[in-house]
Amino acid sequence: MTACPKCGYHAEAAVLRSWTLEIPREVESANSYTVNAGKTRWKYAAQRDAWTRDMLAMRRVHGMTVAVGMRRVTLTRLYSGRQREMDRANFIAGAKPVLDAMVRACMLVDDKPKWLEDHYAQVKADRPGLRVLVEEIG
């Protein structure tokens, strides 16, 4: 399976199963915990642990199987009201605790490119949160 060298998308991959989760938790900008040391280290750990609880609950609710192969994940930040689109680098870096939580919740084998194809989007919505599309690909 060859990925696009620009975006990592595996066009020829067959989607075996998929799950769409909506979580009413917002991804924080990476600016709020740029360094994983000192005081910000604990903030990152608290974010990751909160996301892990959400992911475990969503995995059970949606009947998602434990990951054993590669999965494609699209994280869509939902922003509303007076919120604005986040700059892309801060959104992607801010989503790190989400992916780490997905690994801890066995939704992903690992967050290395061998096991994960990840994509990111942001859309204006009625309520803020995060939409997670998980696709088992083969």
C-alpha atoms as a PDB file:
ATOM      1  CA  MET A   1       0.000   0.000   0.000  1.00  0.00           C
ATOM      2  CA  THR A   2       1.661   3.223  -1.170  1.00  0.00           C
ATOM      3  CA  ALA A   3       0.768   6.532   0.442  1.00  0.00           C
ATOM      4  CA  CYS A   4       0.658   9.924  -1.250  1.00  0.00           C
ATOM      5  CA  PRO A   5       4.048  11.520  -0.491  1.00  0.00           C
ATOM      6  CA  LYS A   6       2.364  14.900   0.171  1.00  0.00           C
ATOM      7  CA  CYS A   7      -0.566  14.008   2.439  1.00  0.00           C
ATOM      8  CA  GLY A   8      -0.090  10.344   3.366  1.00  0.00           C
ATOM      9  CA  TYR A   9      -3.481   9.306   1.955  1.00  0.00           C
ATOM     10  CA  HIS A  10      -3.712   5.651   0.873  1.00  0.00           C
ATOM     11  CA  ALA A  11      -6.057   5.997  -2.112  1.00  0.00           C
ATOM     12  CA  GLU A  12      -6.156   2.291  -2.950  1.00  0.00           C
ATOM     13  CA  ALA A  13      -6.912   1.169   0.635  1.00  0.00           C
ATOM     14  CA  ALA A  14     -10.266  -0.525   1.151  1.00  0.00           C
ATOM     15  CA  VAL A  15     -12.296   0.740   4.104  1.00  0.00           C
ATOM     16  CA  LEU A  16     -13.263  -2.399   6.021  1.00  0.00           C
ATOM     17  CA  ARG A  17     -15.179  -0.675   8.842  1.00  0.00           C
ATOM     18  CA  SER A  18     -15.722   2.861  10.043  1.00  0.00           C
ATOM     19  CA  TRP A  19     -16.978   4.689  13.110  1.00  0.00           C
ATOM     20  CA  THR A  20     -17.896   8.359  13.549  1.00  0.00           C
ATOM     21  CA  LEU A  21     -17.704   9.769  17.057  1.00  0.00           C
ATOM     22  CA  GLU A  22     -18.718  13.254  18.217  1.00  0.00           C
ATOM     23  CA  ILE A  23     -17.180  14.399  21.464  1.00  0.00           C
ATOM     24  CA  PRO A  24     -18.289  17.678  23.071  1.00  0.00           C
ATOM     25  CA  ARG A  25     -14.722  18.442  24.180  1.00  0.00           C
ATOM     26  CA  GLU A  26     -12.589  21.031  22.448  1.00  0.00           C
ATOM     27  CA  VAL A  27      -9.046  20.511  21.229  1.00  0.00           C
ATOM     28  CA  GLU A  28      -6.847  23.122  22.859  1.00  0.00           C
ATOM     29  CA  SER A  29      -4.288  25.012  20.851  1.00  0.00           C
ATOM     30  CA  ALA A  30      -0.736  23.748  21.255  1.00  0.00           C
ATOM     31  CA  ASN A  31       0.100  27.211  22.574  1.00  0.00           C
ATOM     32  CA  SER A  32      -1.477  26.215  25.907  1.00  0.00           C
ATOM     33  CA  TYR A  33       1.032  23.369  26.533  1.00  0.00           C
ATOM     34  CA  THR A  34       3.894  23.730  24.104  1.00  0.00           C
ATOM     35  CA  VAL A  35       6.530  22.255  26.399  1.00  0.00           C
ATOM     36  CA  ASN A  36       6.016  18.827  27.944  1.00  0.00           C
ATOM     37  CA  ALA A  37       7.952  19.840  31.072  1.00  0.00           C
ATOM     38  CA  GLY A  38       7.306  21.781  34.250  1.00  0.00           C
ATOM     39  CA  LYS A  39       3.790  23.093  34.859  1.00  0.00           C
ATOM     40  CA  THR A  40       2.657  22.531  31.272  1.00  0.00           C
ATOM     41  CA  ARG A  41       3.613  18.850  31.493  1.00  0.00           C
ATOM     42  CA  TRP A  42       0.815  18.273  34.004  1.00  0.00           C
ATOM     43  CA  LYS A  43      -1.661  20.169  31.854  1.00  0.00           C
ATOM     44  CA  TYR A  44      -0.831  17.915  28.895  1.00  0.00           C
ATOM     45  CA  ALA A  45      -1.192  14.782  31.065  1.00  0.00           C
ATOM     46  CA  ALA A  46      -4.576  15.994  32.367  1.00  0.00           C
ATOM     47  CA  GLN A  47      -5.772  16.635  28.793  1.00  0.00           C
ATOM     48  CA  ARG A  48      -4.574  13.219  27.625  1.00  0.00           C
ATOM     49  CA  ASP A  49      -6.239  11.464  30.559  1.00  0.00           C
ATOM     50  CA  ALA A  50      -9.550  13.285  29.982  1.00  0.00           C
ATOM     51  CA  TRP A  51      -9.468  12.362  26.286  1.00  0.00           C
ATOM     52  CA  THR A  52      -8.657   8.741  27.232  1.00  0.00           C
ATOM     53  CA  ARG A  53     -11.793   8.543  29.393  1.00  0.00           C
ATOM     54  CA  ASP A  54     -13.860   9.962  26.509  1.00  0.00           C
ATOM     55  CA  MET A  55     -12.324   7.584  23.959  1.00  0.00           C
ATOM     56  CA  LEU A  56     -12.854   4.504  26.134  1.00  0.00           C
ATOM     57  CA  ALA A  57     -16.512   5.461  26.618  1.00  0.00           C
ATOM     58  CA  MET A  58     -17.014   6.138  22.896  1.00  0.00           C
ATOM     59  CA  ARG A  59     -15.320   2.866  21.940  1.00  0.00           C
ATOM     60  CA  ARG A  60     -17.782   0.961  24.133  1.00  0.00           C
ATOM     61  CA  VAL A  61     -20.840   2.948  22.994  1.00  0.00           C
ATOM     62  CA  HIS A  62     -20.026   2.463  19.302  1.00  0.00           C
ATOM     63  CA  GLY A  63     -18.886  -1.148  19.612  1.00  0.00           C
ATOM     64  CA  MET A  64     -15.478  -0.331  18.158  1.00  0.00           C
ATOM     65  CA  THR A  65     -13.104  -3.273  17.999  1.00  0.00           C
ATOM     66  CA  VAL A  66      -9.599  -3.176  19.407  1.00  0.00           C
ATOM     67  CA  ALA A  67      -7.178  -2.025  16.706  1.00  0.00           C
ATOM     68  CA  VAL A  68      -4.988  -4.731  15.191  1.00  0.00           C
ATOM     69  CA  GLY A  69      -4.037  -3.070  11.907  1.00  0.00           C
ATOM     70  CA  MET A  70      -3.721   0.278  10.202  1.00  0.00           C
ATOM     71  CA  ARG A  71      -6.470   2.850  10.708  1.00  0.00           C
ATOM     72  CA  ARG A  72      -7.231   6.178   9.051  1.00  0.00           C
ATOM     73  CA  VAL A  73      -8.325   8.902  11.465  1.00  0.00           C
ATOM     74  CA  THR A  74      -9.817  12.233  10.474  1.00  0.00           C
ATOM     75  CA  LEU A  75     -10.094  14.726  13.328  1.00  0.00           C
ATOM     76  CA  THR A  76     -12.507  17.556  12.572  1.00  0.00           C
ATOM     77  CA  ARG A  77     -12.532  20.452  15.008  1.00  0.00           C
ATOM     78  CA  LEU A  78     -16.030  21.889  15.338  1.00  0.00           C
ATOM     79  CA  TYR A  79     -15.993  25.560  16.267  1.00  0.00           C
ATOM     80  CA  SER A  80     -19.002  27.769  16.852  1.00  0.00           C
ATOM     81  CA  GLY A  81     -20.226  31.187  17.856  1.00  0.00           C
ATOM     82  CA  ARG A  82     -17.422  33.700  18.049  1.00  0.00           C
ATOM     83  CA  GLN A  83     -14.705  31.071  17.795  1.00  0.00           C
ATOM     84  CA  ARG A  84     -12.418  31.156  14.801  1.00  0.00           C
ATOM     85  CA  GLU A  85     -10.474  28.610  12.857  1.00  0.00           C
ATOM     86  CA  MET A  86      -7.227  27.737  14.645  1.00  0.00           C
ATOM     87  CA  ASP A  87      -3.968  27.968  12.792  1.00  0.00           C
ATOM     88  CA  ARG A  88      -3.267  24.521  11.345  1.00  0.00           C
ATOM     89  CA  ALA A  89       0.004  23.825  13.188  1.00  0.00           C
ATOM     90  CA  ASN A  90      -1.553  24.646  16.572  1.00  0.00           C
ATOM     91  CA  PHE A  91      -4.581  22.457  15.837  1.00  0.00           C
ATOM     92  CA  ILE A  92      -2.482  19.468  14.783  1.00  0.00           C
ATOM     93  CA  ALA A  93      -0.084  19.844  17.723  1.00  0.00           C
ATOM     94  CA  GLY A  94      -3.042  20.434  20.058  1.00  0.00           C
ATOM     95  CA  ALA A  95      -4.549  17.133  18.871  1.00  0.00           C
ATOM     96  CA  LYS A  96      -1.559  15.141  20.170  1.00  0.00           C
ATOM     97  CA  PRO A  97      -3.311  14.187  23.435  1.00  0.00           C
ATOM     98  CA  VAL A  98      -6.294  12.981  21.370  1.00  0.00           C
ATOM     99  CA  LEU A  99      -4.156  10.552  19.348  1.00  0.00           C
ATOM    100  CA  ASP A 100      -2.281   9.449  22.471  1.00  0.00           C
ATOM    101  CA  ALA A 101      -5.647   8.799  24.144  1.00  0.00           C
ATOM    102  CA  MET A 102      -6.797   6.764  21.151  1.00  0.00           C
ATOM    103  CA  VAL A 103      -3.699   4.548  21.501  1.00  0.00           C
ATOM    104  CA  ARG A 104      -4.346   4.137  25.244  1.00  0.00           C
ATOM    105  CA  ALA A 105      -7.986   3.233  24.510  1.00  0.00           C
ATOM    106  CA  CYS A 106      -6.845   0.578  21.968  1.00  0.00           C
ATOM    107  CA  MET A 107      -8.529   2.448  19.106  1.00  0.00           C
ATOM    108  CA  LEU A 108      -5.114   2.632  17.430  1.00  0.00           C
ATOM    109  CA  VAL A 109      -2.220   0.181  17.589  1.00  0.00           C
ATOM    110  CA  ASP A 110       0.203   3.120  17.687  1.00  0.00           C
ATOM    111  CA  ASP A 111       0.440   6.646  16.315  1.00  0.00           C
ATOM    112  CA  LYS A 112       3.400   5.859  14.062  1.00  0.00           C
ATOM    113  CA  PRO A 113       2.853   6.068  10.270  1.00  0.00           C
ATOM    114  CA  LYS A 114       2.935   2.248  10.025  1.00  0.00           C
ATOM    115  CA  TRP A 115      -0.346   2.115  11.992  1.00  0.00           C
ATOM    116  CA  LEU A 116      -1.980   5.520  11.479  1.00  0.00           C
ATOM    117  CA  GLU A 117      -2.972   7.688   8.559  1.00  0.00           C
ATOM    118  CA  ASP A 118      -4.146  10.966  10.120  1.00  0.00           C
ATOM    119  CA  HIS A 119      -5.973  13.938   8.627  1.00  0.00           C
ATOM    120  CA  TYR A 120      -7.234  17.188  10.122  1.00  0.00           C
ATOM    121  CA  ALA A 121     -10.059  19.598   9.306  1.00  0.00           C
ATOM    122  CA  GLN A 122     -11.971  22.444  10.925  1.00  0.00           C
ATOM    123  CA  VAL A 123     -15.581  23.417  10.274  1.00  0.00           C
ATOM    124  CA  LYS A 124     -18.044  25.935  11.677  1.00  0.00           C
ATOM    125  CA  ALA A 125     -20.840  24.127  13.547  1.00  0.00           C
ATOM    126  CA  ASP A 126     -23.758  24.711  15.911  1.00  0.00           C
ATOM    127  CA  ARG A 127     -21.758  23.439  18.910  1.00  0.00           C
ATOM    128  CA  PRO A 128     -18.035  23.196  19.575  1.00  0.00           C
ATOM    129  CA  GLY A 129     -16.407  19.791  19.887  1.00  0.00           C
ATOM    130  CA  LEU A 130     -14.499  17.185  17.963  1.00  0.00           C
ATOM    131  CA  ARG A 131     -15.720  14.782  15.271  1.00  0.00           C
ATOM    132  CA  VAL A 132     -13.546  11.703  14.953  1.00  0.00           C
ATOM    133  CA  LEU A 133     -13.842   9.474  11.891  1.00  0.00           C
ATOM    134  CA  VAL A 134     -11.995   6.181  12.386  1.00  0.00           C
ATOM    135  CA  GLU A 135     -11.629   3.906   9.370  1.00  0.00           C
ATOM    136  CA  GLU A 136     -10.128   0.436   9.479  1.00  0.00           C
ATOM    137  CA  ILE A 137      -8.261   0.120   6.214  1.00  0.00           C
ATOM    138  CA  GLY A 138      -6.698  -2.806   4.456  1.00  0.00           C
END
